[in-house]
Amino acid sequence: MLRITWILLILFTGVASADDDAVAKYRDYLPEQLLALSEEERHSSVPMMFSGAANLATSPAGDFVMQANLNALMYSGFADFEGAKRAFQSDLGEEPTGALTVWQIHTLGYRSSRVNMTSVSFFPFDFGGTMSGDWAFVKGTVEIIDDKIAYPINQVDIECSRRSGTCDYRQIALTLPDENSWVQSYHVGEIADEVYQITRWEGQSIDAVPVNTTGCRINQLSLNFETQEFFEIARNNTSGDCETTLGGTIPRLDKPRVSRIVDGREIISAEFNAISEETFTFFSSAFRQRMEALVAQSEQN
């Protein structure tokens, strides 16, 4: 059982991000060449993803894992391991030597993990706002107008009480991995859990600002339940760039950043469609050609 767990760990372990210069320097090393470097150089200079690739390739389970990864990309990994490696190298636009470099092994693992990432649903896709007496509720997906949001797959819930004079704001998001992520898996995390002070409750409209106003930016809520239009307006809270408590810097906004809460189904669908389109290019060229031929034939019929 421990051995199986170890093999599965190798299959699904991700990689860390690496310096571009180091990637360029070591990408064409074969596993044996990389492991022949001094321990000091491997620990101080070699990208972790390449060390992981070299350790995988020289492990007892190395060939098995790479064969499984090739099969996942529709190469004949188990039936013709040598031919599959050469075909994979050719599809990468590299010389088909049959001896995989550490970059090629890393890319093989990344691509095989990526094609197995299916669409998932953690959030209710219903959208809208309801106001009843002294209580109001909004839910949906936040998108930034004229800009790209860091976490497009998100869900926000806002509950306002006229009696308490506050709105409870909670936002969660599904983050998507990229090639430099530690693991190729989704992660659901809480983006915000804040209390807003209501500054105006008039008719079917509510305005509110955060109770905690010490952040780098102030995010005002503007909720209109009659028109079903719900906005967030972020403004600078400092005269210049803002230094965070963790040592980072948040640049000053050139103008207020306006976001709106919308029905997120199209946004979320587009994100997963982009992943599907990307991962299709990871399959073997022979498989893609057959798929494209089948699609063309079905369209003719």
Protein backbone atom coordinates (compact mmCIF):
# COMPACT_ATOMS: atom_id res chain seq x y z
CA MET A 1 0.00 0.00 0.00
CA LEU A 2 2.84 2.42 0.81
CA ARG A 3 4.46 1.72 -2.55
CA ILE A 4 1.19 2.38 -4.42
CA THR A 5 0.71 5.59 -2.47
CA TRP A 6 4.24 6.65 -3.35
CA ILE A 7 3.68 5.98 -7.07
CA LEU A 8 0.43 7.93 -7.04
CA LEU A 9 2.21 10.77 -5.26
CA ILE A 10 4.75 10.90 -8.07
CA LEU A 11 1.95 10.91 -10.62
CA PHE A 12 0.13 13.85 -9.12
CA THR A 13 2.85 15.95 -7.52
CA GLY A 14 3.12 19.42 -9.07
CA VAL A 15 6.05 21.75 -9.48
CA ALA A 16 7.21 25.09 -8.21
CA SER A 17 7.74 28.16 -10.30
CA ALA A 18 11.26 28.72 -11.52
CA ASP A 19 13.55 31.47 -12.71
CA ASP A 20 13.49 31.88 -16.50
CA ASP A 21 17.28 31.94 -16.79
CA ALA A 22 17.62 28.75 -14.76
CA VAL A 23 14.94 27.07 -16.87
CA ALA A 24 16.79 28.00 -20.06
CA LYS A 25 20.11 26.80 -18.64
CA TYR A 26 19.01 23.34 -17.49
CA ARG A 27 16.03 22.49 -19.74
CA ASP A 28 18.03 20.28 -22.15
CA TYR A 29 19.80 18.23 -19.49
CA LEU A 30 19.08 14.52 -19.42
CA PRO A 31 18.10 13.17 -15.99
CA GLU A 32 21.46 11.45 -15.51
CA GLN A 33 23.34 14.62 -16.43
CA LEU A 34 21.37 16.70 -13.99
CA LEU A 35 21.88 14.25 -11.13
CA ALA A 36 25.61 14.19 -11.89
CA LEU A 37 25.88 17.87 -10.95
CA SER A 38 27.20 18.75 -7.53
CA GLU A 39 24.69 18.65 -4.71
CA GLU A 40 25.33 22.33 -4.05
CA GLU A 41 24.48 23.32 -7.63
CA ARG A 42 21.37 21.15 -7.73
CA HIS A 43 20.06 22.64 -4.51
CA SER A 44 20.96 26.26 -5.27
CA SER A 45 20.49 26.65 -9.03
CA VAL A 46 18.45 23.86 -10.62
CA PRO A 47 14.69 24.53 -10.82
CA MET A 48 12.77 22.21 -8.51
CA MET A 49 10.59 21.01 -11.38
CA PHE A 50 13.69 19.71 -13.19
CA SER A 51 15.04 18.03 -10.08
CA GLY A 52 11.66 16.37 -9.66
CA ALA A 53 11.70 15.24 -13.30
CA ALA A 54 15.20 13.76 -12.93
CA ASN A 55 14.29 11.95 -9.73
CA LEU A 56 11.15 10.59 -11.34
CA ALA A 57 12.94 9.33 -14.46
CA THR A 58 15.59 7.49 -12.45
CA SER A 59 13.18 6.01 -9.88
CA PRO A 60 11.94 2.40 -10.08
CA ALA A 61 8.50 3.68 -11.09
CA GLY A 62 9.83 6.25 -13.55
CA ASP A 63 9.15 4.42 -16.80
CA PHE A 64 5.73 3.31 -15.58
CA VAL A 65 4.70 6.86 -14.69
CA MET A 66 5.94 8.30 -17.99
CA GLN A 67 4.21 5.51 -19.94
CA ALA A 68 0.96 6.31 -18.13
CA ASN A 69 1.41 10.02 -18.86
CA LEU A 70 2.02 9.31 -22.54
CA ASN A 71 -1.07 7.13 -22.68
CA ALA A 72 -3.10 9.94 -21.11
CA LEU A 73 -2.03 12.14 -24.05
CA MET A 74 -3.03 9.41 -26.55
CA TYR A 75 0.46 8.21 -27.35
CA SER A 76 1.17 4.46 -27.22
CA GLY A 77 3.04 4.70 -23.96
CA PHE A 78 2.67 1.08 -22.88
CA ALA A 79 2.54 -0.60 -26.29
CA ASP A 80 5.46 1.31 -27.83
CA PHE A 81 7.29 3.34 -25.19
CA GLU A 82 10.23 4.29 -27.41
CA GLY A 83 8.03 5.28 -30.32
CA ALA A 84 5.71 7.22 -28.02
CA LYS A 85 8.61 9.22 -26.59
CA ARG A 86 9.82 10.12 -30.07
CA ALA A 87 6.34 11.10 -31.21
CA PHE A 88 5.94 13.30 -28.14
CA GLN A 89 9.27 15.00 -28.82
CA SER A 90 8.28 15.61 -32.44
CA ASP A 91 5.00 17.19 -31.36
CA LEU A 92 7.00 19.51 -29.10
CA GLY A 93 9.02 20.55 -32.16
CA GLU A 94 12.18 18.97 -30.81
CA GLU A 95 14.55 16.31 -32.08
CA PRO A 96 12.99 12.83 -31.63
CA THR A 97 15.91 11.16 -29.86
CA GLY A 98 13.81 8.97 -27.59
CA ALA A 99 15.82 10.24 -24.59
CA LEU A 100 13.62 12.71 -22.74
CA THR A 101 15.20 15.80 -21.23
CA VAL A 102 14.14 17.04 -17.82
CA TRP A 103 12.07 19.80 -19.45
CA GLN A 104 10.32 17.27 -21.66
CA ILE A 105 9.59 15.01 -18.68
CA HIS A 106 8.23 17.97 -16.75
CA THR A 107 6.10 19.06 -19.73
CA LEU A 108 4.80 15.53 -20.16
CA GLY A 109 3.70 15.42 -16.52
CA TYR A 110 2.14 18.88 -16.69
CA ARG A 111 0.18 18.12 -19.84
CA SER A 112 -1.09 14.75 -18.67
CA SER A 113 -2.30 16.31 -15.42
CA ARG A 114 -3.92 19.18 -17.30
CA VAL A 115 -5.99 17.01 -19.64
CA ASN A 116 -7.55 15.28 -16.66
CA MET A 117 -8.90 18.52 -15.21
CA THR A 118 -12.61 18.48 -15.93
CA SER A 119 -15.21 21.20 -15.41
CA VAL A 120 -16.34 21.40 -11.81
CA SER A 121 -19.12 23.23 -10.06
CA PHE A 122 -18.85 24.46 -6.49
CA PHE A 123 -21.20 27.44 -6.66
CA PRO A 124 -24.91 27.89 -7.30
CA PHE A 125 -25.20 29.73 -10.59
CA ASP A 126 -28.34 31.62 -9.67
CA PHE A 127 -28.06 35.38 -9.70
CA GLY A 128 -30.09 38.26 -8.40
CA GLY A 129 -31.09 40.43 -5.48
CA THR A 130 -34.10 40.41 -3.20
CA MET A 131 -35.31 43.16 -0.87
CA SER A 132 -38.05 42.52 1.64
CA GLY A 133 -38.80 45.04 4.37
CA ASP A 134 -35.65 45.60 6.40
CA TRP A 135 -33.70 42.78 4.80
CA ALA A 136 -31.90 42.47 1.44
CA PHE A 137 -29.81 39.79 -0.23
CA VAL A 138 -27.58 39.74 -3.35
CA LYS A 139 -25.71 36.84 -4.93
CA GLY A 140 -23.76 36.36 -8.14
CA THR A 141 -20.32 36.56 -9.70
CA VAL A 142 -18.09 39.63 -9.51
CA GLU A 143 -16.46 40.84 -12.74
CA ILE A 144 -14.29 43.92 -13.16
CA ILE A 145 -15.46 46.26 -15.92
CA ASP A 146 -12.79 46.83 -18.60
CA ASP A 147 -10.20 44.72 -16.79
CA LYS A 148 -9.35 41.11 -16.01
CA ILE A 149 -10.12 39.76 -12.58
CA ALA A 150 -7.57 37.53 -10.85
CA TYR A 151 -10.20 34.92 -9.95
CA PRO A 152 -13.04 34.97 -12.53
CA ILE A 153 -14.74 31.88 -11.09
CA ASN A 154 -16.16 33.36 -7.92
CA GLN A 155 -19.38 33.63 -5.97
CA VAL A 156 -20.40 36.52 -3.73
CA ASP A 157 -23.18 36.64 -1.14
CA ILE A 158 -24.25 39.96 0.40
CA GLU A 159 -26.84 40.09 3.17
CA CYS A 160 -27.99 43.50 4.44
CA SER A 161 -30.02 44.35 7.54
CA ARG A 162 -31.58 47.78 7.90
CA ARG A 163 -32.00 47.26 11.64
CA SER A 164 -28.32 46.57 12.24
CA GLY A 165 -27.26 49.07 9.60
CA THR A 166 -24.76 46.63 8.12
CA CYS A 167 -24.20 44.28 5.19
CA ASP A 168 -22.30 41.00 5.54
CA TYR A 169 -20.14 40.44 2.45
CA ARG A 170 -18.63 37.05 1.68
CA GLN A 171 -16.83 35.96 -1.47
CA ILE A 172 -15.28 32.61 -2.38
CA ALA A 173 -13.37 31.71 -5.53
CA LEU A 174 -12.16 28.71 -7.46
CA THR A 175 -8.54 29.32 -8.47
CA LEU A 176 -7.17 27.69 -11.60
CA PRO A 177 -3.59 26.35 -11.75
CA ASP A 178 -1.08 27.15 -14.48
CA GLU A 179 2.19 25.59 -15.57
CA ASN A 180 4.03 27.13 -12.60
CA SER A 181 1.54 26.01 -9.95
CA TRP A 182 2.64 23.66 -7.20
CA VAL A 183 -0.12 21.20 -8.07
CA GLN A 184 -2.43 20.81 -11.05
CA SER A 185 -5.65 20.91 -9.09
CA TYR A 186 -8.39 23.37 -8.29
CA HIS A 187 -8.53 25.24 -5.02
CA VAL A 188 -11.53 26.85 -3.38
CA GLY A 189 -10.71 29.68 -1.02
CA GLU A 190 -12.36 32.58 0.74
CA ILE A 191 -11.49 35.89 -0.90
CA ALA A 192 -13.41 38.23 1.40
CA ASP A 193 -15.44 38.08 4.60
CA GLU A 194 -16.26 41.65 5.59
CA VAL A 195 -18.87 43.80 7.27
CA TYR A 196 -20.06 46.96 5.50
CA GLN A 197 -21.69 49.97 7.12
CA ILE A 198 -24.86 51.06 5.30
CA THR A 199 -24.59 54.75 4.37
CA ARG A 200 -27.88 54.95 2.45
CA TRP A 201 -31.01 52.81 2.38
CA GLU A 202 -33.50 54.57 0.19
CA GLY A 203 -36.36 52.90 -1.64
CA GLN A 204 -34.89 49.94 -3.52
CA SER A 205 -31.28 51.14 -3.25
CA ILE A 206 -28.49 50.53 -0.73
CA ASP A 207 -25.02 52.08 -0.49
CA ALA A 208 -22.43 50.78 1.96
CA VAL A 209 -18.73 51.08 2.83
CA PRO A 210 -16.46 48.73 4.82
CA VAL A 211 -16.44 49.03 8.60
CA ASN A 212 -12.69 48.44 8.45
CA THR A 213 -11.28 51.35 6.45
CA THR A 214 -7.57 50.71 7.04
CA GLY A 215 -6.98 48.82 3.79
CA CYS A 216 -5.08 50.07 0.76
CA ARG A 217 -8.38 50.60 -1.02
CA ILE A 218 -11.96 51.35 -0.02
CA ASN A 219 -14.63 49.30 -1.75
CA GLN A 220 -18.08 50.93 -1.86
CA LEU A 221 -21.20 48.87 -2.55
CA SER A 222 -23.98 50.33 -4.69
CA LEU A 223 -26.99 47.99 -4.87
CA ASN A 224 -30.15 48.70 -6.88
CA PHE A 225 -32.79 46.02 -6.38
CA GLU A 226 -35.33 47.60 -8.71
CA THR A 227 -33.04 47.50 -11.74
CA GLN A 228 -31.10 44.43 -10.51
CA GLU A 229 -27.84 46.33 -10.93
CA PHE A 230 -25.19 45.71 -8.29
CA PHE A 231 -21.82 47.48 -8.35
CA GLU A 232 -18.61 47.69 -6.33
CA ILE A 233 -16.42 50.79 -6.65
CA ALA A 234 -12.83 50.52 -5.39
CA ARG A 235 -10.95 53.75 -4.62
CA ASN A 236 -7.48 54.53 -3.29
CA ASN A 237 -7.13 54.85 0.46
CA THR A 238 -3.56 56.16 0.35
CA SER A 239 -1.89 59.07 -1.45
CA GLY A 240 0.62 56.79 -3.16
CA ASP A 241 1.41 53.12 -3.63
CA CYS A 242 0.36 51.14 -0.57
CA GLU A 243 2.80 49.03 1.44
CA THR A 244 1.15 45.92 2.85
CA THR A 245 1.91 44.30 6.20
CA LEU A 246 3.46 41.33 4.35
CA GLY A 247 6.02 43.56 2.65
CA GLY A 248 4.37 43.78 -0.77
CA THR A 249 3.22 46.87 -2.62
CA ILE A 250 -0.21 47.52 -4.11
CA PRO A 251 -0.02 50.12 -6.88
CA ARG A 252 -2.25 53.19 -6.78
CA LEU A 253 -5.32 53.06 -9.00
CA ASP A 254 -5.34 55.62 -11.84
CA LYS A 255 -9.11 55.81 -11.54
CA PRO A 256 -11.84 54.12 -9.51
CA ARG A 257 -12.13 50.47 -10.41
CA VAL A 258 -15.72 49.46 -11.02
CA SER A 259 -16.93 45.89 -10.69
CA ARG A 260 -20.41 44.48 -11.06
CA ILE A 261 -22.17 41.44 -9.73
CA VAL A 262 -23.62 39.41 -12.60
CA ASP A 263 -24.89 35.99 -13.60
CA GLY A 264 -21.62 34.11 -13.77
CA ARG A 265 -22.59 31.15 -15.92
CA GLU A 266 -21.12 32.50 -19.17
CA ILE A 267 -17.94 33.70 -17.42
CA ILE A 268 -17.34 30.36 -15.74
CA SER A 269 -18.19 28.39 -18.87
CA ALA A 270 -15.70 30.47 -20.86
CA GLU A 271 -12.93 29.70 -18.35
CA PHE A 272 -13.46 25.95 -18.59
CA ASN A 273 -13.83 26.11 -22.38
CA ALA A 274 -10.43 27.83 -22.52
CA ILE A 275 -8.92 24.97 -20.53
CA SER A 276 -10.54 22.42 -22.87
CA GLU A 277 -9.24 24.21 -25.96
CA GLU A 278 -5.76 24.43 -24.48
CA THR A 279 -5.62 20.80 -23.40
CA PHE A 280 -6.79 19.52 -26.79
CA THR A 281 -3.50 20.81 -28.20
CA PHE A 282 -1.66 18.63 -25.67
CA PHE A 283 -2.88 15.36 -27.20
CA SER A 284 -0.77 13.54 -29.76
CA SER A 285 -0.92 15.02 -33.24
CA ALA A 286 -2.13 11.68 -34.63
CA PHE A 287 -5.04 11.64 -32.20
CA ARG A 288 -5.93 15.27 -32.95
CA GLN A 289 -5.89 14.62 -36.69
CA ARG A 290 -8.30 11.70 -36.30
CA MET A 291 -10.58 13.74 -34.08
CA GLU A 292 -10.60 16.65 -36.52
CA ALA A 293 -11.35 14.27 -39.40
CA LEU A 294 -14.28 12.78 -37.49
CA VAL A 295 -15.66 16.24 -36.71
CA ALA A 296 -15.34 17.29 -40.36
CA GLN A 297 -17.09 14.10 -41.49
CA SER A 298 -19.94 14.58 -39.02
CA GLU A 299 -20.43 18.17 -40.20
CA GLN A 300 -20.66 17.00 -43.82
CA ASN A 301 -23.30 14.48 -42.89
